[in-house]
């Protein structure tokens, strides 16, 4: 639960709101509003390329998954904090086309 709380609270601090899961090793996160138009697959690719953070695009789990990504709570606390920093840098530097 500590890794979950670090992830959910950390992303909330940088402007990516998501619900805290009750009993699972995954967080399903709605795409931030400014990325909704590009979809979950493109968002996931950008996040990997420019933020060095891997998430699973929701569309890979069916059409109802579109607009979300799935984040696994498998990394240690240090790596989760590093991911939050990387995502913040990506958000701060992302220029819409």
PDB file of N, CA and C in Angstrom:
ATOM      1  N   UNK A   1       0.811  -1.192   0.000  1.00  0.00           N
ATOM      2  CA  UNK A   1       0.000   0.000   0.000  1.00  0.00           C
ATOM      3  C   UNK A   1       0.856   1.258   0.000  1.00  0.00           C
ATOM      4  N   UNK A   2       2.057   1.164   0.526  1.00  0.00           N
ATOM      5  CA  UNK A   2       2.906   2.341   0.557  1.00  0.00           C
ATOM      6  C   UNK A   2       3.325   2.759  -0.852  1.00  0.00           C
ATOM      7  N   UNK A   3       3.676   1.787  -1.704  1.00  0.00           N
ATOM      8  CA  UNK A   3       4.047   2.115  -3.086  1.00  0.00           C
ATOM      9  C   UNK A   3       2.869   2.756  -3.824  1.00  0.00           C
ATOM     10  N   UNK A   4       1.686   2.211  -3.594  1.00  0.00           N
ATOM     11  CA  UNK A   4       0.484   2.765  -4.216  1.00  0.00           C
ATOM     12  C   UNK A   4       0.294   4.224  -3.799  1.00  0.00           C
ATOM     13  N   UNK A   5       0.407   4.485  -2.501  1.00  0.00           N
ATOM     14  CA  UNK A   5       0.200   5.838  -1.988  1.00  0.00           C
ATOM     15  C   UNK A   5       1.249   6.808  -2.521  1.00  0.00           C
ATOM     16  N   UNK A   6       2.499   6.374  -2.599  1.00  0.00           N
ATOM     17  CA  UNK A   6       3.561   7.226  -3.144  1.00  0.00           C
ATOM     18  C   UNK A   6       3.252   7.581  -4.588  1.00  0.00           C
ATOM     19  N   UNK A   7       2.830   6.583  -5.374  1.00  0.00           N
ATOM     20  CA  UNK A   7       2.549   6.806  -6.780  1.00  0.00           C
ATOM     21  C   UNK A   7       1.347   7.727  -6.971  1.00  0.00           C
ATOM     22  N   UNK A   8       0.231   7.406  -6.349  1.00  0.00           N
ATOM     23  CA  UNK A   8      -0.995   8.183  -6.537  1.00  0.00           C
ATOM     24  C   UNK A   8      -0.811   9.610  -6.016  1.00  0.00           C
ATOM     25  N   UNK A   9      -0.241   9.764  -4.841  1.00  0.00           N
ATOM     26  CA  UNK A   9      -0.042  11.104  -4.284  1.00  0.00           C
ATOM     27  C   UNK A   9       0.991  11.893  -5.072  1.00  0.00           C
ATOM     28  N   UNK A  10       2.046  11.221  -5.519  1.00  0.00           N
ATOM     29  CA  UNK A  10       3.085  11.896  -6.293  1.00  0.00           C
ATOM     30  C   UNK A  10       2.578  12.401  -7.630  1.00  0.00           C
ATOM     31  N   UNK A  11       1.837  11.560  -8.332  1.00  0.00           N
ATOM     32  CA  UNK A  11       1.286  12.000  -9.610  1.00  0.00           C
ATOM     33  C   UNK A  11       0.247  13.098  -9.407  1.00  0.00           C
ATOM     34  N   UNK A  12      -0.501  13.033  -8.336  1.00  0.00           N
ATOM     35  CA  UNK A  12      -1.472  14.084  -8.034  1.00  0.00           C
ATOM     36  C   UNK A  12      -0.768  15.427  -7.851  1.00  0.00           C
ATOM     37  N   UNK A  13       0.368  15.421  -7.174  1.00  0.00           N
ATOM     38  CA  UNK A  13       1.129  16.653  -6.949  1.00  0.00           C
ATOM     39  C   UNK A  13       1.584  17.295  -8.259  1.00  0.00           C
ATOM     40  N   UNK A  14       1.827  16.488  -9.293  1.00  0.00           N
ATOM     41  CA  UNK A  14       2.297  17.064 -10.556  1.00  0.00           C
ATOM     42  C   UNK A  14       1.145  17.274 -11.546  1.00  0.00           C
ATOM     43  N   UNK A  15      -0.091  17.086 -11.078  1.00  0.00           N
ATOM     44  CA  UNK A  15      -1.242  17.399 -11.902  1.00  0.00           C
ATOM     45  C   UNK A  15      -1.887  16.232 -12.632  1.00  0.00           C
ATOM     46  N   UNK A  16      -1.502  15.016 -12.301  1.00  0.00           N
ATOM     47  CA  UNK A  16      -2.110  13.841 -12.938  1.00  0.00           C
ATOM     48  C   UNK A  16      -2.932  13.120 -11.879  1.00  0.00           C
ATOM     49  N   UNK A  17      -4.205  13.459 -11.839  1.00  0.00           N
ATOM     50  CA  UNK A  17      -5.106  12.885 -10.840  1.00  0.00           C
ATOM     51  C   UNK A  17      -5.497  11.464 -11.225  1.00  0.00           C
ATOM     52  N   UNK A  18      -5.531  10.575 -10.240  1.00  0.00           N
ATOM     53  CA  UNK A  18      -5.966   9.198 -10.458  1.00  0.00           C
ATOM     54  C   UNK A  18      -6.523   8.645  -9.160  1.00  0.00           C
ATOM     55  N   UNK A  19      -7.422   7.700  -9.304  1.00  0.00           N
ATOM     56  CA  UNK A  19      -8.013   7.086  -8.125  1.00  0.00           C
ATOM     57  C   UNK A  19      -7.061   6.041  -7.550  1.00  0.00           C
ATOM     58  N   UNK A  20      -7.056   5.938  -6.262  1.00  0.00           N
ATOM     59  CA  UNK A  20      -6.251   4.944  -5.569  1.00  0.00           C
ATOM     60  C   UNK A  20      -6.982   3.606  -5.587  1.00  0.00           C
ATOM     61  N   UNK A  21      -6.353   2.565  -6.132  1.00  0.00           N
ATOM     62  CA  UNK A  21      -7.032   1.267  -6.170  1.00  0.00           C
ATOM     63  C   UNK A  21      -7.176   0.683  -4.769  1.00  0.00           C
ATOM     64  N   UNK A  22      -8.222  -0.087  -4.585  1.00  0.00           N
ATOM     65  CA  UNK A  22      -8.489  -0.680  -3.264  1.00  0.00           C
ATOM     66  C   UNK A  22      -7.645  -1.929  -3.005  1.00  0.00           C
ATOM     67  N   UNK A  23      -7.605  -2.838  -3.963  1.00  0.00           N
ATOM     68  CA  UNK A  23      -6.904  -4.108  -3.718  1.00  0.00           C
ATOM     69  C   UNK A  23      -6.416  -4.707  -5.026  1.00  0.00           C
ATOM     70  N   UNK A  24      -5.400  -4.098  -5.595  1.00  0.00           N
ATOM     71  CA  UNK A  24      -4.825  -4.601  -6.832  1.00  0.00           C
ATOM     72  C   UNK A  24      -3.398  -4.090  -6.944  1.00  0.00           C
ATOM     73  N   UNK A  25      -2.631  -4.709  -7.822  1.00  0.00           N
ATOM     74  CA  UNK A  25      -1.259  -4.259  -8.031  1.00  0.00           C
ATOM     75  C   UNK A  25      -1.151  -3.316  -9.224  1.00  0.00           C
ATOM     76  N   UNK A  26      -2.303  -2.816  -9.692  1.00  0.00           N
ATOM     77  CA  UNK A  26      -2.326  -1.900 -10.822  1.00  0.00           C
ATOM     78  C   UNK A  26      -3.128  -0.641 -10.483  1.00  0.00           C
ATOM     79  N   UNK A  27      -2.693   0.467 -11.064  1.00  0.00           N
ATOM     80  CA  UNK A  27      -3.449   1.704 -11.008  1.00  0.00           C
ATOM     81  C   UNK A  27      -3.929   1.975 -12.428  1.00  0.00           C
ATOM     82  N   UNK A  28      -5.240   2.146 -12.577  1.00  0.00           N
ATOM     83  CA  UNK A  28      -5.799   2.562 -13.859  1.00  0.00           C
ATOM     84  C   UNK A  28      -5.925   4.075 -13.798  1.00  0.00           C
ATOM     85  N   UNK A  29      -5.190   4.755 -14.664  1.00  0.00           N
ATOM     86  CA  UNK A  29      -5.147   6.219 -14.628  1.00  0.00           C
ATOM     87  C   UNK A  29      -5.725   6.795 -15.909  1.00  0.00           C
ATOM     88  N   UNK A  30      -6.681   7.704 -15.756  1.00  0.00           N
ATOM     89  CA  UNK A  30      -7.227   8.426 -16.907  1.00  0.00           C
ATOM     90  C   UNK A  30      -6.121   9.311 -17.465  1.00  0.00           C
ATOM     91  N   UNK A  31      -6.050   9.384 -18.781  1.00  0.00           N
ATOM     92  CA  UNK A  31      -5.058  10.264 -19.381  1.00  0.00           C
ATOM     93  C   UNK A  31      -5.295  11.696 -18.921  1.00  0.00           C
ATOM     94  N   UNK A  32      -4.232  12.444 -18.694  1.00  0.00           N
ATOM     95  CA  UNK A  32      -4.421  13.870 -18.403  1.00  0.00           C
ATOM     96  C   UNK A  32      -5.183  14.521 -19.561  1.00  0.00           C
ATOM     97  N   UNK A  33      -6.013  15.487 -19.263  1.00  0.00           N
ATOM     98  CA  UNK A  33      -6.895  16.099 -20.263  1.00  0.00           C
ATOM     99  C   UNK A  33      -6.159  16.510 -21.534  1.00  0.00           C
ATOM    100  N   UNK A  34      -4.994  17.076 -21.401  1.00  0.00           N
ATOM    101  CA  UNK A  34      -4.313  17.588 -22.594  1.00  0.00           C
ATOM    102  C   UNK A  34      -3.787  16.487 -23.510  1.00  0.00           C
ATOM    103  N   UNK A  35      -3.855  15.233 -23.054  1.00  0.00           N
ATOM    104  CA  UNK A  35      -3.402  14.107 -23.869  1.00  0.00           C
ATOM    105  C   UNK A  35      -4.552  13.224 -24.360  1.00  0.00           C
ATOM    106  N   UNK A  36      -5.782  13.560 -24.003  1.00  0.00           N
ATOM    107  CA  UNK A  36      -6.920  12.721 -24.382  1.00  0.00           C
ATOM    108  C   UNK A  36      -7.050  12.571 -25.891  1.00  0.00           C
ATOM    109  N   UNK A  37      -6.742  13.623 -26.633  1.00  0.00           N
ATOM    110  CA  UNK A  37      -6.934  13.586 -28.084  1.00  0.00           C
ATOM    111  C   UNK A  37      -5.950  12.663 -28.802  1.00  0.00           C
ATOM    112  N   UNK A  38      -4.829  12.326 -28.182  1.00  0.00           N
ATOM    113  CA  UNK A  38      -3.858  11.464 -28.865  1.00  0.00           C
ATOM    114  C   UNK A  38      -4.071   9.988 -28.545  1.00  0.00           C
ATOM    115  N   UNK A  39      -4.840   9.690 -27.519  1.00  0.00           N
ATOM    116  CA  UNK A  39      -5.149   8.303 -27.182  1.00  0.00           C
ATOM    117  C   UNK A  39      -4.096   7.641 -26.309  1.00  0.00           C
ATOM    118  N   UNK A  40      -4.478   6.511 -25.762  1.00  0.00           N
ATOM    119  CA  UNK A  40      -3.624   5.845 -24.772  1.00  0.00           C
ATOM    120  C   UNK A  40      -2.357   5.239 -25.370  1.00  0.00           C
ATOM    121  N   UNK A  41      -2.428   4.749 -26.616  1.00  0.00           N
ATOM    122  CA  UNK A  41      -1.241   4.146 -27.225  1.00  0.00           C
ATOM    123  C   UNK A  41      -0.179   5.200 -27.500  1.00  0.00           C
ATOM    124  N   UNK A  42      -0.580   6.295 -28.131  1.00  0.00           N
ATOM    125  CA  UNK A  42       0.389   7.347 -28.440  1.00  0.00           C
ATOM    126  C   UNK A  42       0.936   7.973 -27.156  1.00  0.00           C
ATOM    127  N   UNK A  43       0.067   8.198 -26.173  1.00  0.00           N
ATOM    128  CA  UNK A  43       0.520   8.741 -24.894  1.00  0.00           C
ATOM    129  C   UNK A  43       1.564   7.822 -24.267  1.00  0.00           C
ATOM    130  N   UNK A  44       1.301   6.523 -24.276  1.00  0.00           N
ATOM    131  CA  UNK A  44       2.234   5.552 -23.686  1.00  0.00           C
ATOM    132  C   UNK A  44       3.583   5.574 -24.394  1.00  0.00           C
ATOM    133  N   UNK A  45       3.551   5.708 -25.715  1.00  0.00           N
ATOM    134  CA  UNK A  45       4.803   5.766 -26.478  1.00  0.00           C
ATOM    135  C   UNK A  45       5.585   7.037 -26.159  1.00  0.00           C
ATOM    136  N   UNK A  46       4.891   8.170 -26.066  1.00  0.00           N
ATOM    137  CA  UNK A  46       5.555   9.430 -25.716  1.00  0.00           C
ATOM    138  C   UNK A  46       6.139   9.381 -24.307  1.00  0.00           C
ATOM    139  N   UNK A  47       5.384   8.810 -23.386  1.00  0.00           N
ATOM    140  CA  UNK A  47       5.847   8.721 -22.002  1.00  0.00           C
ATOM    141  C   UNK A  47       7.097   7.859 -21.901  1.00  0.00           C
ATOM    142  N   UNK A  48       7.145   6.790 -22.674  1.00  0.00           N
ATOM    143  CA  UNK A  48       8.325   5.929 -22.681  1.00  0.00           C
ATOM    144  C   UNK A  48       9.513   6.640 -23.320  1.00  0.00           C
ATOM    145  N   UNK A  49       9.276   7.275 -24.449  1.00  0.00           N
ATOM    146  CA  UNK A  49      10.370   7.926 -25.176  1.00  0.00           C
ATOM    147  C   UNK A  49      10.938   9.131 -24.437  1.00  0.00           C
ATOM    148  N   UNK A  50      10.054   9.989 -23.941  1.00  0.00           N
ATOM    149  CA  UNK A  50      10.522  11.246 -23.354  1.00  0.00           C
ATOM    150  C   UNK A  50      10.537  11.265 -21.827  1.00  0.00           C
ATOM    151  N   UNK A  51       9.788  10.385 -21.194  1.00  0.00           N
ATOM    152  CA  UNK A  51       9.758  10.339 -19.743  1.00  0.00           C
ATOM    153  C   UNK A  51      10.466   9.134 -19.158  1.00  0.00           C
ATOM    154  N   UNK A  52      10.818   8.180 -20.037  1.00  0.00           N
ATOM    155  CA  UNK A  52      11.504   6.943 -19.605  1.00  0.00           C
ATOM    156  C   UNK A  52      10.674   6.170 -18.592  1.00  0.00           C
ATOM    157  N   UNK A  53       9.339   6.220 -18.768  1.00  0.00           N
ATOM    158  CA  UNK A  53       8.417   5.504 -17.881  1.00  0.00           C
ATOM    159  C   UNK A  53       7.492   4.662 -18.752  1.00  0.00           C
ATOM    160  N   UNK A  54       7.422   3.371 -18.449  1.00  0.00           N
ATOM    161  CA  UNK A  54       6.579   2.460 -19.218  1.00  0.00           C
ATOM    162  C   UNK A  54       5.246   2.241 -18.506  1.00  0.00           C
ATOM    163  N   UNK A  55       4.179   2.400 -19.269  1.00  0.00           N
ATOM    164  CA  UNK A  55       2.817   2.104 -18.809  1.00  0.00           C
ATOM    165  C   UNK A  55       2.155   1.293 -19.919  1.00  0.00           C
ATOM    166  N   UNK A  56       1.082   0.611 -19.582  1.00  0.00           N
ATOM    167  CA  UNK A  56       0.347  -0.157 -20.575  1.00  0.00           C
ATOM    168  C   UNK A  56      -0.816   0.686 -21.101  1.00  0.00           C
ATOM    169  N   UNK A  57      -0.913   0.868 -22.423  1.00  0.00           N
ATOM    170  CA  UNK A  57      -2.030   1.637 -22.959  1.00  0.00           C
ATOM    171  C   UNK A  57      -3.350   0.913 -22.735  1.00  0.00           C
ATOM    172  N   UNK A  58      -4.338   1.648 -22.304  1.00  0.00           N
ATOM    173  CA  UNK A  58      -5.630   1.045 -21.998  1.00  0.00           C
ATOM    174  C   UNK A  58      -6.290   0.372 -23.187  1.00  0.00           C
ATOM    175  N   UNK A  59      -6.069   0.886 -24.387  1.00  0.00           N
ATOM    176  CA  UNK A  59      -6.689   0.311 -25.571  1.00  0.00           C
ATOM    177  C   UNK A  59      -6.282  -1.151 -25.752  1.00  0.00           C
ATOM    178  N   UNK A  60      -5.150  -1.533 -25.224  1.00  0.00           N
ATOM    179  CA  UNK A  60      -4.701  -2.922 -25.305  1.00  0.00           C
ATOM    180  C   UNK A  60      -5.570  -3.876 -24.503  1.00  0.00           C
ATOM    181  N   UNK A  61      -6.452  -3.341 -23.687  1.00  0.00           N
ATOM    182  CA  UNK A  61      -7.340  -4.160 -22.856  1.00  0.00           C
ATOM    183  C   UNK A  61      -8.788  -4.089 -23.355  1.00  0.00           C
ATOM    184  N   UNK A  62      -8.967  -3.528 -24.540  1.00  0.00           N
ATOM    185  CA  UNK A  62     -10.297  -3.417 -25.125  1.00  0.00           C
ATOM    186  C   UNK A  62     -10.691  -1.967 -25.291  1.00  0.00           C
ATOM    187  N   UNK A  63     -11.768  -1.764 -26.056  1.00  0.00           N
ATOM    188  CA  UNK A  63     -12.169  -0.393 -26.380  1.00  0.00           C
ATOM    189  C   UNK A  63     -12.542   0.426 -25.155  1.00  0.00           C
ATOM    190  N   UNK A  64     -13.024  -0.210 -24.092  1.00  0.00           N
ATOM    191  CA  UNK A  64     -13.358   0.529 -22.872  1.00  0.00           C
ATOM    192  C   UNK A  64     -12.122   1.015 -22.122  1.00  0.00           C
ATOM    193  N   UNK A  65     -10.962   0.495 -22.486  1.00  0.00           N
ATOM    194  CA  UNK A  65      -9.720   0.939 -21.859  1.00  0.00           C
ATOM    195  C   UNK A  65      -9.156   2.204 -22.462  1.00  0.00           C
ATOM    196  N   UNK A  66      -9.682   2.590 -23.626  1.00  0.00           N
ATOM    197  CA  UNK A  66      -9.170   3.804 -24.265  1.00  0.00           C
ATOM    198  C   UNK A  66      -9.404   5.008 -23.357  1.00  0.00           C
ATOM    199  N   UNK A  67      -8.387   5.866 -23.319  1.00  0.00           N
ATOM    200  CA  UNK A  67      -8.452   7.045 -22.457  1.00  0.00           C
ATOM    201  C   UNK A  67      -7.803   6.812 -21.100  1.00  0.00           C
ATOM    202  N   UNK A  68      -7.276   5.591 -20.906  1.00  0.00           N
ATOM    203  CA  UNK A  68      -6.617   5.223 -19.651  1.00  0.00           C
ATOM    204  C   UNK A  68      -5.287   4.537 -19.938  1.00  0.00           C
ATOM    205  N   UNK A  69      -4.434   4.504 -18.935  1.00  0.00           N
ATOM    206  CA  UNK A  69      -3.254   3.647 -18.948  1.00  0.00           C
ATOM    207  C   UNK A  69      -3.252   2.830 -17.667  1.00  0.00           C
ATOM    208  N   UNK A  70      -2.591   1.688 -17.725  1.00  0.00           N
ATOM    209  CA  UNK A  70      -2.469   0.850 -16.535  1.00  0.00           C
ATOM    210  C   UNK A  70      -1.027   0.915 -16.064  1.00  0.00           C
ATOM    211  N   UNK A  71      -0.868   1.221 -14.790  1.00  0.00           N
ATOM    212  CA  UNK A  71       0.453   1.350 -14.179  1.00  0.00           C
ATOM    213  C   UNK A  71       0.608   0.236 -13.150  1.00  0.00           C
ATOM    214  N   UNK A  72       1.652  -0.557 -13.301  1.00  0.00           N
ATOM    215  CA  UNK A  72       1.897  -1.653 -12.364  1.00  0.00           C
ATOM    216  C   UNK A  72       2.667  -1.147 -11.152  1.00  0.00           C
ATOM    217  N   UNK A  73       2.265  -1.617  -9.986  1.00  0.00           N
ATOM    218  CA  UNK A  73       2.923  -1.227  -8.728  1.00  0.00           C
ATOM    219  C   UNK A  73       3.983  -2.257  -8.357  1.00  0.00           C
ATOM    220  N   UNK A  74       4.939  -2.457  -9.255  1.00  0.00           N
ATOM    221  CA  UNK A  74       5.935  -3.509  -9.045  1.00  0.00           C
ATOM    222  C   UNK A  74       7.323  -2.971  -8.700  1.00  0.00           C
ATOM    223  N   UNK A  75       7.524  -1.681  -8.883  1.00  0.00           N
ATOM    224  CA  UNK A  75       8.840  -1.103  -8.600  1.00  0.00           C
ATOM    225  C   UNK A  75       8.953  -0.687  -7.136  1.00  0.00           C
ATOM    226  N   UNK A  76      10.203  -0.524  -6.687  1.00  0.00           N
ATOM    227  CA  UNK A  76      10.408  -0.079  -5.310  1.00  0.00           C
ATOM    228  C   UNK A  76      10.125   1.420  -5.184  1.00  0.00           C
ATOM    229  N   UNK A  77      10.090   1.903  -3.967  1.00  0.00           N
ATOM    230  CA  UNK A  77       9.719   3.292  -3.701  1.00  0.00           C
ATOM    231  C   UNK A  77      10.643   4.296  -4.386  1.00  0.00           C
ATOM    232  N   UNK A  78      11.923   3.999  -4.410  1.00  0.00           N
ATOM    233  CA  UNK A  78      12.877   4.898  -5.061  1.00  0.00           C
ATOM    234  C   UNK A  78      12.540   5.037  -6.544  1.00  0.00           C
ATOM    235  N   UNK A  79      12.296   3.911  -7.214  1.00  0.00           N
ATOM    236  CA  UNK A  79      12.000   3.932  -8.659  1.00  0.00           C
ATOM    237  C   UNK A  79      10.658   4.622  -8.934  1.00  0.00           C
ATOM    238  N   UNK A  80       9.710   4.462  -8.053  1.00  0.00           N
ATOM    239  CA  UNK A  80       8.430   5.156  -8.231  1.00  0.00           C
ATOM    240  C   UNK A  80       8.636   6.660  -8.127  1.00  0.00           C
ATOM    241  N   UNK A  81       9.406   7.104  -7.150  1.00  0.00           N
ATOM    242  CA  UNK A  81       9.683   8.543  -7.012  1.00  0.00           C
ATOM    243  C   UNK A  81      10.428   9.076  -8.238  1.00  0.00           C
ATOM    244  N   UNK A  82      11.361   8.284  -8.760  1.00  0.00           N
ATOM    245  CA  UNK A  82      12.081   8.689  -9.965  1.00  0.00           C
ATOM    246  C   UNK A  82      11.129   8.787 -11.151  1.00  0.00           C
ATOM    247  N   UNK A  83      10.194   7.858 -11.255  1.00  0.00           N
ATOM    248  CA  UNK A  83       9.203   7.896 -12.336  1.00  0.00           C
ATOM    249  C   UNK A  83       8.365   9.168 -12.249  1.00  0.00           C
ATOM    250  N   UNK A  84       7.981   9.558 -11.048  1.00  0.00           N
ATOM    251  CA  UNK A  84       7.196  10.780 -10.863  1.00  0.00           C
ATOM    252  C   UNK A  84       7.992  11.991 -11.363  1.00  0.00           C
ATOM    253  N   UNK A  85       9.272  12.056 -11.013  1.00  0.00           N
ATOM    254  CA  UNK A  85      10.118  13.161 -11.478  1.00  0.00           C
ATOM    255  C   UNK A  85      10.215  13.163 -13.000  1.00  0.00           C
ATOM    256  N   UNK A  86      10.391  11.985 -13.597  1.00  0.00           N
ATOM    257  CA  UNK A  86      10.512  11.900 -15.051  1.00  0.00           C
ATOM    258  C   UNK A  86       9.216  12.314 -15.750  1.00  0.00           C
ATOM    259  N   UNK A  87       8.093  11.900 -15.203  1.00  0.00           N
ATOM    260  CA  UNK A  87       6.803  12.271 -15.791  1.00  0.00           C
ATOM    261  C   UNK A  87       6.596  13.776 -15.670  1.00  0.00           C
ATOM    262  N   UNK A  88       6.972  14.362 -14.543  1.00  0.00           N
ATOM    263  CA  UNK A  88       6.852  15.811 -14.386  1.00  0.00           C
ATOM    264  C   UNK A  88       7.681  16.532 -15.450  1.00  0.00           C
ATOM    265  N   UNK A  89       8.908  16.088 -15.679  1.00  0.00           N
ATOM    266  CA  UNK A  89       9.741  16.710 -16.715  1.00  0.00           C
ATOM    267  C   UNK A  89       9.091  16.567 -18.089  1.00  0.00           C
ATOM    268  N   UNK A  90       8.549  15.391 -18.370  1.00  0.00           N
ATOM    269  CA  UNK A  90       7.856  15.177 -19.635  1.00  0.00           C
ATOM    270  C   UNK A  90       6.681  16.142 -19.768  1.00  0.00           C
ATOM    271  N   UNK A  91       5.842  16.239 -18.738  1.00  0.00           N
ATOM    272  CA  UNK A  91       4.700  17.150 -18.774  1.00  0.00           C
ATOM    273  C   UNK A  91       5.156  18.596 -18.976  1.00  0.00           C
ATOM    274  N   UNK A  92       6.195  18.999 -18.259  1.00  0.00           N
ATOM    275  CA  UNK A  92       6.672  20.386 -18.332  1.00  0.00           C
ATOM    276  C   UNK A  92       7.229  20.735 -19.715  1.00  0.00           C
ATOM    277  N   UNK A  93       7.797  19.757 -20.404  1.00  0.00           N
ATOM    278  CA  UNK A  93       8.465  20.015 -21.676  1.00  0.00           C
ATOM    279  C   UNK A  93       7.656  19.627 -22.893  1.00  0.00           C
ATOM    280  N   UNK A  94       6.509  18.993 -22.707  1.00  0.00           N
ATOM    281  CA  UNK A  94       5.716  18.532 -23.844  1.00  0.00           C
ATOM    282  C   UNK A  94       5.083  19.708 -24.588  1.00  0.00           C
ATOM    283  N   UNK A  95       5.305  19.737 -25.870  1.00  0.00           N
ATOM    284  CA  UNK A  95       4.714  20.767 -26.716  1.00  0.00           C
ATOM    285  C   UNK A  95       3.712  20.082 -27.634  1.00  0.00           C
ATOM    286  N   UNK A  96       2.484  20.527 -27.569  1.00  0.00           N
ATOM    287  CA  UNK A  96       1.441  19.946 -28.419  1.00  0.00           C
ATOM    288  C   UNK A  96       1.699  20.335 -29.869  1.00  0.00           C
ATOM    289  N   UNK A  97       1.358  19.418 -30.751  1.00  0.00           N
ATOM    290  CA  UNK A  97       1.606  19.663 -32.185  1.00  0.00           C
ATOM    291  C   UNK A  97       0.562  20.560 -32.782  1.00  0.00           C
TER     292      UNK A  97
END
